[in-house]
């Protein structure tokens, strides 16, 4: 993998720059070294799986979850599932929004049959920081994506992260109201808090919304919808 010193340097630079678009200069030499690492990782991955594994993937996909996360490089599937292949239909954009990739989300829910629609925000989100401030000088395509994030200006980032997640759940409940009503879909909002801003432990995936319910004491004990409960009995 990349040298620890280089990774540490990138981390230091990231947290030192307080704007949304961290303008790190690229370096083709770094890219050339990294693509070799990627190829090596792929060879190790292939070696760790037999032919039947890949044959299974080739037959199709039936992901249990459609997951909408931020594009942030710190948010990855390895925190959700050790074996995500065929299990997680991933949709990524800045601000983990439904509006930015509605077609992809519809495909995961309506055509692939995901039973779970999961929106994941995260601590220290640059998109949320930008949307909560003045982003008028950013590129037009970026501004267009930030325009659909409806959060208060000037509020604490972690509070706006939670507000945005709740907004996405609310929008999805309207979009997929029939499936939710029938017990075919559960819409969940969560925050991946690697900065421990919510004081629940660094790195925790904190569930903050389940089908519109935001009281943890209540949604922990929510009964299974009738359709799902009936399927489980059979």
Protein backbone atom coordinates (compact mmCIF):
# COMPACT_ATOMS: atom_id res chain seq x y z
CA UNK A 1 0.00 0.00 0.00
CA UNK A 2 1.07 3.67 -0.14
CA UNK A 3 3.74 4.57 2.37
CA UNK A 4 2.37 5.53 5.78
CA UNK A 5 4.25 8.81 5.62
CA UNK A 6 2.47 9.77 2.41
CA UNK A 7 -0.93 8.80 3.83
CA UNK A 8 -0.23 10.82 6.97
CA UNK A 9 0.76 13.81 4.86
CA UNK A 10 -2.49 13.63 2.88
CA UNK A 11 -4.49 13.44 6.12
CA UNK A 12 -2.67 16.44 7.55
CA UNK A 13 -3.27 18.48 4.43
CA UNK A 14 -6.95 17.50 4.33
CA UNK A 15 -7.70 18.71 7.82
CA UNK A 16 -5.59 21.83 7.38
CA UNK A 17 -7.66 23.11 4.44
CA UNK A 18 -11.08 24.42 5.60
CA UNK A 19 -12.80 24.58 2.20
CA UNK A 20 -14.93 22.07 0.29
CA UNK A 21 -12.69 21.62 -2.74
CA UNK A 22 -9.35 20.58 -1.27
CA UNK A 23 -7.11 21.57 -4.15
CA UNK A 24 -4.34 19.00 -3.83
CA UNK A 25 -2.04 18.95 -6.82
CA UNK A 26 -1.98 15.66 -8.69
CA UNK A 27 1.15 13.65 -9.34
CA UNK A 28 1.34 11.14 -12.19
CA UNK A 29 4.19 9.33 -10.45
CA UNK A 30 1.90 8.65 -7.50
CA UNK A 31 -0.81 7.45 -9.89
CA UNK A 32 1.59 5.07 -11.65
CA UNK A 33 2.69 3.57 -8.35
CA UNK A 34 -0.86 3.25 -7.15
CA UNK A 35 -2.20 1.52 -10.26
CA UNK A 36 0.48 -1.14 -9.73
CA UNK A 37 -0.78 -1.59 -6.18
CA UNK A 38 -4.33 -1.89 -7.44
CA UNK A 39 -3.29 -4.60 -9.92
CA UNK A 40 -1.44 -6.45 -7.17
CA UNK A 41 -4.48 -6.24 -4.88
CA UNK A 42 -6.67 -7.57 -7.68
CA UNK A 43 -4.36 -10.55 -8.21
CA UNK A 44 -4.49 -11.30 -4.48
CA UNK A 45 -8.28 -11.00 -4.57
CA UNK A 46 -8.54 -13.41 -7.49
CA UNK A 47 -6.24 -15.87 -5.75
CA UNK A 48 -8.42 -15.77 -2.64
CA UNK A 49 -11.59 -16.78 -4.52
CA UNK A 50 -12.32 -19.88 -6.56
CA UNK A 51 -13.93 -20.00 -10.00
CA UNK A 52 -17.35 -20.76 -8.53
CA UNK A 53 -17.33 -17.40 -6.75
CA UNK A 54 -16.96 -15.46 -9.99
CA UNK A 55 -19.40 -17.75 -11.80
CA UNK A 56 -21.98 -16.87 -9.17
CA UNK A 57 -21.42 -13.16 -9.74
CA UNK A 58 -21.77 -13.63 -13.49
CA UNK A 59 -25.25 -15.10 -13.08
CA UNK A 60 -26.72 -11.83 -11.79
CA UNK A 61 -27.26 -9.79 -8.67
CA UNK A 62 -29.85 -9.71 -5.92
CA UNK A 63 -28.54 -7.09 -3.47
CA UNK A 64 -30.25 -6.99 -0.11
CA UNK A 65 -29.47 -3.29 0.23
CA UNK A 66 -29.29 -0.22 -1.96
CA UNK A 67 -26.86 2.08 -0.20
CA UNK A 68 -26.58 5.81 -0.91
CA UNK A 69 -23.37 7.21 0.49
CA UNK A 70 -21.19 10.24 0.02
CA UNK A 71 -18.40 9.99 -2.54
CA UNK A 72 -15.89 10.78 0.22
CA UNK A 73 -12.92 8.41 0.04
CA UNK A 74 -13.12 7.76 3.78
CA UNK A 75 -16.53 6.10 3.41
CA UNK A 76 -16.16 2.58 2.01
CA UNK A 77 -18.05 -0.70 1.90
CA UNK A 78 -15.59 -2.48 4.18
CA UNK A 79 -17.24 -0.82 7.18
CA UNK A 80 -20.60 -2.31 6.20
CA UNK A 81 -19.95 -5.78 4.85
CA UNK A 82 -16.89 -8.00 4.64
CA UNK A 83 -18.37 -9.67 1.56
CA UNK A 84 -20.28 -6.89 -0.27
CA UNK A 85 -20.22 -8.57 -3.69
CA UNK A 86 -23.80 -9.10 -4.82
CA UNK A 87 -25.08 -7.77 -1.51
CA UNK A 88 -24.70 -3.97 -1.66
CA UNK A 89 -25.89 -1.91 -4.62
CA UNK A 90 -23.79 1.21 -4.08
CA UNK A 91 -24.83 4.70 -5.18
CA UNK A 92 -22.36 7.49 -4.41
CA UNK A 93 -22.49 11.24 -4.81
CA UNK A 94 -21.50 14.33 -2.85
CA UNK A 95 -23.88 14.68 0.07
CA UNK A 96 -25.39 11.17 -0.19
CA UNK A 97 -28.47 12.47 -1.98
CA UNK A 98 -31.48 10.83 -3.57
CA UNK A 99 -31.97 13.70 -6.03
CA UNK A 100 -28.50 13.40 -7.56
CA UNK A 101 -28.91 9.77 -8.59
CA UNK A 102 -32.61 9.01 -8.37
CA UNK A 103 -32.49 6.67 -11.36
CA UNK A 104 -29.79 4.53 -9.79
CA UNK A 105 -31.72 4.33 -6.52
CA UNK A 106 -34.92 3.45 -8.37
CA UNK A 107 -33.07 0.69 -10.20
CA UNK A 108 -31.78 -0.81 -6.96
CA UNK A 109 -35.16 -0.72 -5.24
CA UNK A 110 -37.62 -1.27 -8.09
CA UNK A 111 -35.68 -3.61 -10.37
CA UNK A 112 -33.09 -5.36 -8.21
CA UNK A 113 -35.51 -5.76 -5.33
CA UNK A 114 -33.43 -4.41 -2.46
CA UNK A 115 -35.32 -4.68 0.82
CA UNK A 116 -33.20 -2.03 2.52
CA UNK A 117 -32.55 1.51 1.30
CA UNK A 118 -29.77 2.96 3.43
CA UNK A 119 -28.61 6.58 3.36
CA UNK A 120 -25.24 7.15 5.00
CA UNK A 121 -23.92 10.60 5.88
CA UNK A 122 -20.61 11.06 7.66
CA UNK A 123 -18.73 13.34 9.99
CA UNK A 124 -16.49 16.08 8.58
CA UNK A 125 -18.44 16.06 5.30
CA UNK A 126 -17.05 18.65 2.89
CA UNK A 127 -20.25 18.76 0.83
CA UNK A 128 -22.34 19.53 3.89
CA UNK A 129 -19.86 22.16 5.04
CA UNK A 130 -20.00 23.80 1.63
CA UNK A 131 -23.80 23.63 1.34
CA UNK A 132 -24.09 25.25 4.76
CA UNK A 133 -21.96 28.20 3.65
CA UNK A 134 -21.13 30.22 0.55
CA UNK A 135 -20.27 27.98 -2.40
CA UNK A 136 -20.92 30.53 -5.14
CA UNK A 137 -17.33 30.39 -6.43
CA UNK A 138 -17.28 26.64 -7.05
CA UNK A 139 -17.69 25.04 -10.47
CA UNK A 140 -21.23 25.11 -11.87
CA UNK A 141 -21.75 21.30 -11.86
CA UNK A 142 -20.68 21.16 -8.21
CA UNK A 143 -22.98 24.04 -7.30
CA UNK A 144 -25.84 22.23 -9.03
CA UNK A 145 -25.34 19.19 -6.81
CA UNK A 146 -25.02 21.31 -3.67
CA UNK A 147 -28.20 23.22 -4.52
CA UNK A 148 -30.30 20.16 -3.70
CA UNK A 149 -28.91 19.88 -0.17
CA UNK A 150 -31.44 21.71 2.00
CA UNK A 151 -29.77 22.55 5.31
CA UNK A 152 -29.47 25.68 7.50
CA UNK A 153 -26.62 28.05 6.80
CA UNK A 154 -24.01 28.30 9.51
CA UNK A 155 -25.14 25.35 11.64
CA UNK A 156 -22.66 22.84 13.07
CA UNK A 157 -21.53 20.39 10.40
CA UNK A 158 -22.57 17.26 12.30
CA UNK A 159 -26.04 18.73 12.92
CA UNK A 160 -26.41 19.49 9.23
CA UNK A 161 -25.14 16.00 8.36
CA UNK A 162 -28.00 14.56 10.41
CA UNK A 163 -30.50 17.02 8.95
CA UNK A 164 -29.47 16.05 5.43
CA UNK A 165 -29.76 12.33 6.18
CA UNK A 166 -33.25 12.85 7.59
CA UNK A 167 -34.17 14.87 4.49
CA UNK A 168 -33.04 12.03 2.24
CA UNK A 169 -35.09 9.50 4.19
CA UNK A 170 -38.15 11.76 3.97
CA UNK A 171 -37.72 12.11 0.21
CA UNK A 172 -37.30 8.35 -0.21
CA UNK A 173 -40.40 7.62 1.86
CA UNK A 174 -42.39 9.71 -0.61
CA UNK A 175 -40.69 8.16 -3.64
CA UNK A 176 -41.23 4.57 -2.49
CA UNK A 177 -44.34 5.03 -0.34
CA UNK A 178 -46.14 1.98 -1.75
CA UNK A 179 -43.23 -0.38 -1.11
CA UNK A 180 -42.81 0.91 2.43
CA UNK A 181 -46.53 0.56 3.11
CA UNK A 182 -46.54 -3.02 1.80
CA UNK A 183 -43.59 -3.98 3.98
CA UNK A 184 -41.32 -4.51 0.99
CA UNK A 185 -38.83 -1.77 1.83
CA UNK A 186 -37.18 -0.35 4.93
CA UNK A 187 -35.66 3.13 4.58
CA UNK A 188 -32.88 3.85 7.06
CA UNK A 189 -30.70 6.90 7.69
CA UNK A 190 -27.32 6.64 9.39
CA UNK A 191 -24.16 8.62 10.11
CA UNK A 192 -20.69 7.10 9.83
CA UNK A 193 -18.97 9.06 12.58
CA UNK A 194 -15.22 8.50 12.27
CA UNK A 195 -14.60 11.83 14.06
CA UNK A 196 -16.80 10.85 17.03
CA UNK A 197 -18.76 14.09 16.71
CA UNK A 198 -21.85 12.33 18.07
CA UNK A 199 -19.91 10.99 21.07
CA UNK A 200 -20.99 7.41 20.43
CA UNK A 201 -17.51 6.15 19.65
CA UNK A 202 -15.20 6.88 16.72
CA UNK A 203 -16.04 4.84 13.65
CA UNK A 204 -19.56 3.86 14.67
CA UNK A 205 -22.36 3.71 12.15
CA UNK A 206 -25.10 5.49 14.09
CA UNK A 207 -28.66 4.78 12.97
CA UNK A 208 -30.66 8.02 13.32
CA UNK A 209 -33.77 7.36 11.24
CA UNK A 210 -35.86 4.33 10.40
CA UNK A 211 -38.85 4.83 8.11
CA UNK A 212 -39.17 8.39 9.41
CA UNK A 213 -38.88 7.53 13.09
CA UNK A 214 -35.98 9.43 14.67
CA UNK A 215 -36.35 8.34 18.29
CA UNK A 216 -33.79 5.53 18.81
CA UNK A 217 -35.76 4.12 21.73
CA UNK A 218 -38.75 3.66 19.45
CA UNK A 219 -37.22 2.33 16.25
CA UNK A 220 -35.09 -0.22 18.08
CA UNK A 221 -38.32 -1.96 19.01
CA UNK A 222 -40.23 -1.37 15.78
CA UNK A 223 -42.14 -4.53 14.80
CA UNK A 224 -41.56 -6.07 11.40
CA UNK A 225 -44.12 -4.96 8.79
CA UNK A 226 -46.85 -7.59 8.19
CA UNK A 227 -45.54 -8.61 4.76
CA UNK A 228 -42.03 -9.25 6.08
CA UNK A 229 -43.28 -11.00 9.20
CA UNK A 230 -45.42 -13.28 7.02
CA UNK A 231 -42.41 -14.15 4.84
CA UNK A 232 -40.34 -14.98 7.92
CA UNK A 233 -43.01 -17.37 9.21
CA UNK A 234 -42.84 -19.27 5.92
